[in-house]
N, C-alpha and C. Protein backbone atom coordinates (compact mmCIF):
# COMPACT_ATOMS: atom_id res chain seq x y z
N MET A 1 0.84 -1.18 0.00
CA MET A 1 0.00 0.00 0.00
C MET A 1 0.89 1.24 0.00
N SER A 2 0.52 2.23 -0.81
CA SER A 2 1.35 3.41 -0.92
C SER A 2 1.12 4.36 0.26
N LYS A 3 2.13 5.15 0.53
CA LYS A 3 2.05 6.11 1.64
C LYS A 3 1.18 7.30 1.23
N VAL A 4 0.42 7.82 2.19
CA VAL A 4 -0.45 8.97 1.96
C VAL A 4 0.24 10.19 2.55
N PRO A 5 0.42 11.26 1.75
CA PRO A 5 1.09 12.45 2.29
C PRO A 5 0.22 13.17 3.31
N LEU A 6 0.87 13.67 4.35
CA LEU A 6 0.19 14.36 5.44
C LEU A 6 1.14 15.42 5.97
N THR A 7 0.63 16.63 6.23
CA THR A 7 1.49 17.65 6.81
C THR A 7 1.66 17.38 8.30
N VAL A 8 2.62 18.03 8.91
CA VAL A 8 2.88 17.88 10.34
C VAL A 8 1.64 18.28 11.14
N VAL A 9 1.00 19.38 10.76
CA VAL A 9 -0.20 19.85 11.45
C VAL A 9 -1.33 18.84 11.32
N GLY A 10 -1.50 18.29 10.12
CA GLY A 10 -2.54 17.28 9.90
C GLY A 10 -2.32 16.04 10.74
N ALA A 11 -1.05 15.62 10.86
CA ALA A 11 -0.73 14.45 11.68
C ALA A 11 -1.01 14.73 13.15
N GLU A 12 -0.69 15.95 13.61
CA GLU A 12 -0.97 16.31 15.01
C GLU A 12 -2.47 16.30 15.29
N LEU A 13 -3.27 16.79 14.34
CA LEU A 13 -4.72 16.80 14.52
C LEU A 13 -5.26 15.37 14.60
N LEU A 14 -4.75 14.48 13.75
CA LEU A 14 -5.20 13.08 13.80
C LEU A 14 -4.79 12.42 15.11
N ARG A 15 -3.58 12.70 15.57
CA ARG A 15 -3.13 12.14 16.85
C ARG A 15 -4.00 12.64 18.01
N ALA A 16 -4.36 13.92 17.98
CA ALA A 16 -5.21 14.49 19.03
C ALA A 16 -6.60 13.85 19.00
N GLU A 17 -7.13 13.64 17.79
CA GLU A 17 -8.43 12.98 17.68
C GLU A 17 -8.36 11.56 18.22
N LEU A 18 -7.28 10.84 17.87
CA LEU A 18 -7.11 9.47 18.35
C LEU A 18 -7.02 9.44 19.88
N GLN A 19 -6.27 10.34 20.44
CA GLN A 19 -6.13 10.44 21.91
C GLN A 19 -7.50 10.66 22.55
N ASN A 20 -8.30 11.58 21.98
CA ASN A 20 -9.64 11.86 22.50
C ASN A 20 -10.53 10.63 22.39
N LEU A 21 -10.49 9.96 21.25
CA LEU A 21 -11.33 8.78 21.06
C LEU A 21 -11.00 7.69 22.08
N LYS A 22 -9.70 7.46 22.30
CA LYS A 22 -9.29 6.39 23.19
C LYS A 22 -9.47 6.74 24.67
N ASN A 23 -9.20 7.99 25.05
CA ASN A 23 -9.21 8.36 26.46
C ASN A 23 -10.50 9.00 26.96
N VAL A 24 -11.35 9.49 26.05
CA VAL A 24 -12.59 10.14 26.47
C VAL A 24 -13.81 9.38 25.94
N GLU A 25 -13.86 9.24 24.62
CA GLU A 25 -15.04 8.64 24.00
C GLU A 25 -15.23 7.16 24.37
N ARG A 26 -14.16 6.38 24.25
CA ARG A 26 -14.27 4.94 24.53
C ARG A 26 -14.75 4.68 25.97
N PRO A 27 -14.11 5.28 27.00
CA PRO A 27 -14.60 5.05 28.37
C PRO A 27 -16.05 5.54 28.57
N SER A 28 -16.41 6.63 27.92
CA SER A 28 -17.78 7.16 28.02
C SER A 28 -18.79 6.16 27.46
N VAL A 29 -18.45 5.56 26.32
CA VAL A 29 -19.34 4.57 25.71
C VAL A 29 -19.45 3.32 26.59
N ILE A 30 -18.35 2.89 27.15
CA ILE A 30 -18.35 1.71 28.03
C ILE A 30 -19.25 1.96 29.24
N ALA A 31 -19.16 3.16 29.79
CA ALA A 31 -20.01 3.52 30.94
C ALA A 31 -21.48 3.55 30.53
N ALA A 32 -21.77 4.06 29.34
CA ALA A 32 -23.15 4.12 28.86
C ALA A 32 -23.72 2.72 28.65
N ILE A 33 -22.91 1.80 28.14
CA ILE A 33 -23.36 0.42 27.95
C ILE A 33 -23.64 -0.23 29.30
N ALA A 34 -22.75 -0.02 30.26
CA ALA A 34 -22.94 -0.59 31.60
C ALA A 34 -24.22 -0.05 32.24
N GLU A 35 -24.45 1.25 32.08
CA GLU A 35 -25.66 1.88 32.62
C GLU A 35 -26.90 1.29 31.97
N ALA A 36 -26.89 1.13 30.67
CA ALA A 36 -28.04 0.59 29.95
C ALA A 36 -28.29 -0.87 30.33
N ARG A 37 -27.22 -1.63 30.54
CA ARG A 37 -27.37 -3.04 30.95
C ARG A 37 -28.05 -3.15 32.32
N SER A 38 -27.78 -2.19 33.17
CA SER A 38 -28.34 -2.24 34.52
C SER A 38 -29.86 -2.02 34.52
N HIS A 39 -30.39 -1.58 33.40
CA HIS A 39 -31.83 -1.32 33.30
C HIS A 39 -32.62 -2.59 32.98
N GLY A 40 -31.92 -3.71 32.80
CA GLY A 40 -32.63 -4.97 32.61
C GLY A 40 -32.70 -5.42 31.16
N ASP A 41 -33.85 -5.92 30.74
CA ASP A 41 -34.10 -6.56 29.45
C ASP A 41 -33.44 -5.81 28.28
N LEU A 42 -32.42 -6.44 27.65
CA LEU A 42 -31.67 -5.81 26.58
C LEU A 42 -32.41 -5.84 25.25
N SER A 43 -33.37 -6.75 25.09
CA SER A 43 -34.06 -6.87 23.81
C SER A 43 -34.94 -5.66 23.50
N GLU A 44 -35.39 -4.96 24.49
CA GLU A 44 -36.24 -3.78 24.27
C GLU A 44 -35.62 -2.53 24.88
N ASN A 45 -34.31 -2.48 24.91
CA ASN A 45 -33.61 -1.38 25.57
C ASN A 45 -32.98 -0.46 24.52
N ALA A 46 -33.63 0.66 24.23
CA ALA A 46 -33.15 1.59 23.21
C ALA A 46 -31.82 2.23 23.62
N GLU A 47 -31.64 2.50 24.91
CA GLU A 47 -30.38 3.09 25.38
C GLU A 47 -29.22 2.15 25.10
N TYR A 48 -29.44 0.86 25.32
CA TYR A 48 -28.39 -0.13 25.08
C TYR A 48 -28.04 -0.17 23.59
N ASP A 49 -29.07 -0.21 22.75
CA ASP A 49 -28.83 -0.23 21.30
C ASP A 49 -28.07 1.01 20.84
N ALA A 50 -28.45 2.17 21.35
CA ALA A 50 -27.77 3.42 20.98
C ALA A 50 -26.32 3.41 21.46
N ALA A 51 -26.09 2.93 22.66
CA ALA A 51 -24.72 2.88 23.20
C ALA A 51 -23.86 1.91 22.39
N LYS A 52 -24.43 0.76 22.01
CA LYS A 52 -23.68 -0.21 21.20
C LYS A 52 -23.37 0.37 19.81
N GLU A 53 -24.32 1.12 19.25
CA GLU A 53 -24.10 1.76 17.95
C GLU A 53 -22.99 2.80 18.05
N ARG A 54 -23.02 3.58 19.12
CA ARG A 54 -21.98 4.59 19.36
C ARG A 54 -20.62 3.91 19.54
N GLN A 55 -20.60 2.79 20.25
CA GLN A 55 -19.36 2.04 20.45
C GLN A 55 -18.81 1.56 19.10
N SER A 56 -19.68 1.08 18.25
CA SER A 56 -19.27 0.63 16.93
C SER A 56 -18.64 1.78 16.13
N PHE A 57 -19.26 2.96 16.20
CA PHE A 57 -18.73 4.12 15.50
C PHE A 57 -17.36 4.51 16.05
N VAL A 58 -17.23 4.59 17.37
CA VAL A 58 -15.98 5.01 18.01
C VAL A 58 -14.85 4.03 17.66
N GLU A 59 -15.12 2.74 17.78
CA GLU A 59 -14.09 1.73 17.47
C GLU A 59 -13.70 1.77 15.99
N GLY A 60 -14.68 1.99 15.13
CA GLY A 60 -14.40 2.11 13.70
C GLY A 60 -13.54 3.32 13.39
N ARG A 61 -13.85 4.43 14.03
CA ARG A 61 -13.07 5.66 13.82
C ARG A 61 -11.66 5.51 14.36
N ILE A 62 -11.50 4.84 15.50
CA ILE A 62 -10.16 4.58 16.04
C ILE A 62 -9.35 3.78 15.04
N ALA A 63 -9.93 2.74 14.49
CA ALA A 63 -9.22 1.91 13.51
C ALA A 63 -8.87 2.72 12.26
N GLU A 64 -9.80 3.57 11.83
CA GLU A 64 -9.57 4.39 10.64
C GLU A 64 -8.42 5.38 10.86
N VAL A 65 -8.43 6.07 11.99
CA VAL A 65 -7.38 7.07 12.28
C VAL A 65 -6.03 6.38 12.46
N GLU A 66 -6.01 5.25 13.18
CA GLU A 66 -4.75 4.51 13.34
C GLU A 66 -4.21 4.06 11.99
N GLY A 67 -5.09 3.63 11.10
CA GLY A 67 -4.68 3.22 9.76
C GLY A 67 -4.11 4.37 8.96
N LYS A 68 -4.76 5.53 9.04
CA LYS A 68 -4.27 6.71 8.33
C LYS A 68 -2.89 7.12 8.84
N LEU A 69 -2.72 7.12 10.16
CA LEU A 69 -1.43 7.52 10.73
C LEU A 69 -0.32 6.53 10.37
N SER A 70 -0.64 5.24 10.40
CA SER A 70 0.39 4.24 10.10
C SER A 70 0.73 4.22 8.61
N ASN A 71 -0.18 4.70 7.79
CA ASN A 71 0.00 4.69 6.35
C ASN A 71 0.47 6.03 5.80
N SER A 72 0.76 6.97 6.68
CA SER A 72 1.07 8.32 6.21
C SER A 72 2.57 8.57 6.10
N GLN A 73 2.87 9.49 5.21
CA GLN A 73 4.23 10.01 5.08
C GLN A 73 4.12 11.47 5.51
N ILE A 74 4.69 11.80 6.65
CA ILE A 74 4.55 13.14 7.21
C ILE A 74 5.60 14.05 6.59
N ILE A 75 5.10 15.16 6.03
CA ILE A 75 5.97 16.11 5.33
C ILE A 75 5.88 17.46 6.03
N ASP A 76 7.02 18.00 6.39
CA ASP A 76 7.08 19.31 7.05
C ASP A 76 7.39 20.36 5.99
N PRO A 77 6.41 21.22 5.64
CA PRO A 77 6.64 22.23 4.60
C PRO A 77 7.80 23.17 4.88
N THR A 78 8.10 23.43 6.17
CA THR A 78 9.18 24.36 6.49
C THR A 78 10.55 23.79 6.16
N LEU A 79 10.64 22.46 6.01
CA LEU A 79 11.92 21.83 5.70
C LEU A 79 12.11 21.58 4.20
N LEU A 80 11.10 21.95 3.41
CA LEU A 80 11.19 21.71 1.97
C LEU A 80 12.14 22.70 1.32
N ASP A 81 12.87 22.23 0.33
CA ASP A 81 13.68 23.10 -0.49
C ASP A 81 13.38 22.74 -1.94
N ALA A 82 12.23 23.21 -2.40
CA ALA A 82 11.78 22.88 -3.75
C ALA A 82 12.13 23.98 -4.73
N GLU A 83 12.95 24.92 -4.30
CA GLU A 83 13.46 25.99 -5.16
C GLU A 83 12.34 26.77 -5.84
N GLY A 84 11.27 27.05 -5.08
CA GLY A 84 10.20 27.88 -5.61
C GLY A 84 9.13 27.13 -6.38
N ARG A 85 9.22 25.82 -6.44
CA ARG A 85 8.23 25.02 -7.15
C ARG A 85 7.03 24.75 -6.27
N CYS A 86 5.86 24.58 -6.88
CA CYS A 86 4.66 24.16 -6.16
C CYS A 86 4.76 22.67 -5.89
N VAL A 87 4.78 22.31 -4.62
CA VAL A 87 4.85 20.91 -4.20
C VAL A 87 3.88 20.70 -3.04
N PHE A 88 3.73 19.45 -2.62
CA PHE A 88 2.88 19.15 -1.47
C PHE A 88 3.36 19.95 -0.26
N GLY A 89 2.44 20.58 0.44
CA GLY A 89 2.77 21.35 1.63
C GLY A 89 3.02 22.83 1.35
N ALA A 90 3.24 23.18 0.08
CA ALA A 90 3.52 24.58 -0.26
C ALA A 90 2.28 25.44 -0.10
N THR A 91 2.49 26.69 0.25
CA THR A 91 1.41 27.68 0.31
C THR A 91 1.58 28.55 -0.93
N VAL A 92 0.51 28.61 -1.73
CA VAL A 92 0.59 29.25 -3.04
C VAL A 92 -0.39 30.42 -3.11
N GLU A 93 0.12 31.57 -3.56
CA GLU A 93 -0.73 32.74 -3.76
C GLU A 93 -1.05 32.82 -5.25
N LEU A 94 -2.35 32.85 -5.56
CA LEU A 94 -2.80 32.82 -6.96
C LEU A 94 -3.65 34.03 -7.29
N GLU A 95 -3.59 34.43 -8.56
CA GLU A 95 -4.50 35.46 -9.06
C GLU A 95 -5.34 34.86 -10.17
N ASP A 96 -6.66 34.97 -10.01
CA ASP A 96 -7.57 34.51 -11.04
C ASP A 96 -7.43 35.47 -12.22
N MET A 97 -7.02 34.96 -13.38
CA MET A 97 -6.74 35.81 -14.54
C MET A 97 -8.01 36.51 -15.04
N GLU A 98 -9.17 35.92 -14.83
CA GLU A 98 -10.42 36.48 -15.33
C GLU A 98 -10.96 37.57 -14.41
N SER A 99 -11.03 37.28 -13.10
CA SER A 99 -11.64 38.23 -12.16
C SER A 99 -10.63 39.13 -11.46
N GLY A 100 -9.36 38.71 -11.42
CA GLY A 100 -8.35 39.48 -10.72
C GLY A 100 -8.30 39.20 -9.23
N ASP A 101 -9.17 38.29 -8.75
CA ASP A 101 -9.17 37.93 -7.33
C ASP A 101 -7.87 37.23 -6.97
N VAL A 102 -7.35 37.54 -5.77
CA VAL A 102 -6.14 36.89 -5.28
C VAL A 102 -6.53 35.99 -4.11
N VAL A 103 -6.09 34.73 -4.18
CA VAL A 103 -6.37 33.76 -3.13
C VAL A 103 -5.08 33.06 -2.73
N THR A 104 -5.06 32.53 -1.51
CA THR A 104 -3.90 31.79 -1.03
C THR A 104 -4.37 30.43 -0.55
N TYR A 105 -3.70 29.38 -1.04
CA TYR A 105 -4.03 28.01 -0.67
C TYR A 105 -2.78 27.27 -0.23
N GLN A 106 -2.96 26.34 0.69
CA GLN A 106 -1.90 25.41 1.03
C GLN A 106 -2.31 24.06 0.46
N ILE A 107 -1.38 23.37 -0.20
CA ILE A 107 -1.66 22.06 -0.77
C ILE A 107 -1.40 21.01 0.31
N VAL A 108 -2.47 20.30 0.70
CA VAL A 108 -2.39 19.34 1.81
C VAL A 108 -2.97 17.99 1.39
N GLY A 109 -2.95 17.04 2.32
CA GLY A 109 -3.51 15.71 2.08
C GLY A 109 -5.03 15.75 2.03
N ASP A 110 -5.63 14.68 1.51
CA ASP A 110 -7.08 14.61 1.35
C ASP A 110 -7.82 14.81 2.68
N ASP A 111 -7.30 14.26 3.76
CA ASP A 111 -7.97 14.34 5.06
C ASP A 111 -7.89 15.72 5.69
N GLU A 112 -6.92 16.52 5.28
CA GLU A 112 -6.72 17.84 5.88
C GLU A 112 -7.44 18.95 5.13
N ALA A 113 -7.86 18.68 3.90
CA ALA A 113 -8.41 19.71 3.04
C ALA A 113 -9.62 20.39 3.67
N ASP A 114 -9.62 21.71 3.63
CA ASP A 114 -10.72 22.53 4.13
C ASP A 114 -10.63 23.88 3.44
N ILE A 115 -11.45 24.07 2.42
CA ILE A 115 -11.37 25.27 1.61
C ILE A 115 -11.58 26.53 2.43
N LYS A 116 -12.38 26.45 3.51
CA LYS A 116 -12.62 27.62 4.36
C LYS A 116 -11.34 28.06 5.06
N LEU A 117 -10.44 27.10 5.30
CA LEU A 117 -9.16 27.43 5.95
C LEU A 117 -8.05 27.63 4.92
N GLY A 118 -8.40 27.61 3.64
CA GLY A 118 -7.40 27.81 2.59
C GLY A 118 -6.53 26.59 2.36
N LYS A 119 -7.05 25.41 2.64
CA LYS A 119 -6.28 24.17 2.44
C LYS A 119 -6.98 23.34 1.38
N ILE A 120 -6.25 23.07 0.27
CA ILE A 120 -6.82 22.29 -0.81
C ILE A 120 -6.12 20.94 -0.91
N SER A 121 -6.90 19.94 -1.30
CA SER A 121 -6.39 18.58 -1.39
C SER A 121 -5.41 18.43 -2.55
N ILE A 122 -4.38 17.64 -2.32
CA ILE A 122 -3.39 17.34 -3.35
C ILE A 122 -4.05 16.70 -4.58
N SER A 123 -5.19 16.06 -4.38
CA SER A 123 -5.86 15.39 -5.50
C SER A 123 -6.92 16.27 -6.18
N SER A 124 -7.08 17.51 -5.73
CA SER A 124 -8.05 18.41 -6.35
C SER A 124 -7.53 18.88 -7.71
N PRO A 125 -8.43 19.25 -8.61
CA PRO A 125 -7.99 19.71 -9.94
C PRO A 125 -7.04 20.91 -9.88
N ILE A 126 -7.31 21.85 -8.98
CA ILE A 126 -6.45 23.04 -8.91
C ILE A 126 -5.05 22.68 -8.40
N ALA A 127 -4.96 21.80 -7.41
CA ALA A 127 -3.64 21.41 -6.89
C ALA A 127 -2.87 20.63 -7.95
N ARG A 128 -3.55 19.74 -8.67
CA ARG A 128 -2.87 18.97 -9.72
C ARG A 128 -2.33 19.89 -10.80
N ALA A 129 -3.08 20.98 -11.10
CA ALA A 129 -2.62 21.93 -12.12
C ALA A 129 -1.43 22.75 -11.62
N LEU A 130 -1.33 22.94 -10.31
CA LEU A 130 -0.27 23.78 -9.74
C LEU A 130 1.05 23.02 -9.53
N ILE A 131 0.98 21.72 -9.24
CA ILE A 131 2.18 20.95 -8.90
C ILE A 131 3.23 21.07 -10.01
N GLY A 132 4.44 21.42 -9.57
CA GLY A 132 5.57 21.52 -10.49
C GLY A 132 5.77 22.88 -11.11
N LYS A 133 4.82 23.78 -10.92
CA LYS A 133 4.94 25.11 -11.52
C LYS A 133 5.64 26.07 -10.55
N TYR A 134 6.11 27.19 -11.10
CA TYR A 134 6.85 28.21 -10.35
C TYR A 134 6.07 29.51 -10.31
N ALA A 135 6.49 30.45 -9.43
CA ALA A 135 5.91 31.79 -9.39
C ALA A 135 6.09 32.42 -10.77
N GLY A 136 5.03 33.05 -11.27
CA GLY A 136 5.07 33.65 -12.60
C GLY A 136 4.43 32.77 -13.66
N ASP A 137 4.31 31.47 -13.39
CA ASP A 137 3.67 30.55 -14.34
C ASP A 137 2.15 30.72 -14.28
N VAL A 138 1.49 30.28 -15.34
CA VAL A 138 0.03 30.28 -15.38
C VAL A 138 -0.44 28.83 -15.38
N ALA A 139 -1.36 28.53 -14.47
CA ALA A 139 -1.91 27.18 -14.38
C ALA A 139 -3.32 27.18 -14.93
N GLU A 140 -3.61 26.23 -15.83
CA GLU A 140 -4.96 26.07 -16.37
C GLU A 140 -5.65 24.98 -15.59
N VAL A 141 -6.81 25.32 -15.03
CA VAL A 141 -7.56 24.38 -14.20
C VAL A 141 -8.89 24.07 -14.89
N MET A 142 -9.16 22.78 -15.06
CA MET A 142 -10.44 22.36 -15.63
C MET A 142 -11.47 22.36 -14.51
N ALA A 143 -12.31 23.39 -14.50
CA ALA A 143 -13.34 23.54 -13.47
C ALA A 143 -14.70 23.16 -14.07
N PRO A 144 -15.69 22.94 -13.22
CA PRO A 144 -17.02 22.60 -13.74
C PRO A 144 -17.57 23.63 -14.73
N GLY A 145 -17.21 24.89 -14.54
CA GLY A 145 -17.68 25.96 -15.43
C GLY A 145 -16.78 26.17 -16.64
N GLY A 146 -15.81 25.32 -16.84
CA GLY A 146 -14.87 25.47 -17.96
C GLY A 146 -13.46 25.70 -17.45
N VAL A 147 -12.55 25.98 -18.38
CA VAL A 147 -11.14 26.18 -18.03
C VAL A 147 -10.97 27.55 -17.37
N ARG A 148 -10.25 27.56 -16.22
CA ARG A 148 -9.91 28.80 -15.53
C ARG A 148 -8.40 28.90 -15.46
N GLU A 149 -7.92 30.10 -15.58
CA GLU A 149 -6.47 30.33 -15.54
C GLU A 149 -6.11 31.11 -14.28
N TYR A 150 -5.04 30.63 -13.63
CA TYR A 150 -4.53 31.29 -12.43
C TYR A 150 -3.05 31.56 -12.62
N GLU A 151 -2.64 32.80 -12.31
CA GLU A 151 -1.21 33.11 -12.31
C GLU A 151 -0.70 32.88 -10.90
N ILE A 152 0.44 32.21 -10.83
CA ILE A 152 1.05 31.93 -9.52
C ILE A 152 1.88 33.16 -9.15
N LEU A 153 1.48 33.84 -8.09
CA LEU A 153 2.17 35.05 -7.66
C LEU A 153 3.33 34.73 -6.72
N ASP A 154 3.14 33.75 -5.84
CA ASP A 154 4.18 33.44 -4.84
C ASP A 154 4.02 32.01 -4.36
N VAL A 155 5.14 31.38 -4.04
CA VAL A 155 5.16 30.03 -3.48
C VAL A 155 5.98 30.10 -2.21
N LYS A 156 5.36 29.69 -1.07
CA LYS A 156 6.08 29.71 0.21
C LYS A 156 6.01 28.33 0.85
N TYR A 157 6.95 28.06 1.71
CA TYR A 157 7.00 26.78 2.45
C TYR A 157 6.92 27.11 3.92
N ILE A 158 5.69 27.30 4.43
CA ILE A 158 5.50 27.71 5.83
C ILE A 158 4.68 26.68 6.59
């Protein structure tokens, strides 16, 4: 199985989630199951069913996060020396050639992507169009509304 790229911040967030799931959520679910069991007949106990369903979700999420962390290649953007090229982890300032709008995005892993925070997935059309390009280059992005052109104004590794 191939390694999945993840920034240092993304890895820290996953580790924090895993810690919370194991140390807070799991014990809480166990207590809820014990409480529901004390109410007697399990065949007609909605609290028990809900607690077991929650336990299934928590255990599944723990396995998923552990799998992502064990399968990840953690990349620290501050240690990159890509000589001004757009690469994974880079923060890129773009100007939309049509509207003149200037936006800044960081290219991150699929699990970290959040457009509201300016983080775009490495597998998104815009990130794929940017990879390998330098400041001053124009990237053509195939968007749902047609081809859009962005000029790369700056590439930083922060």
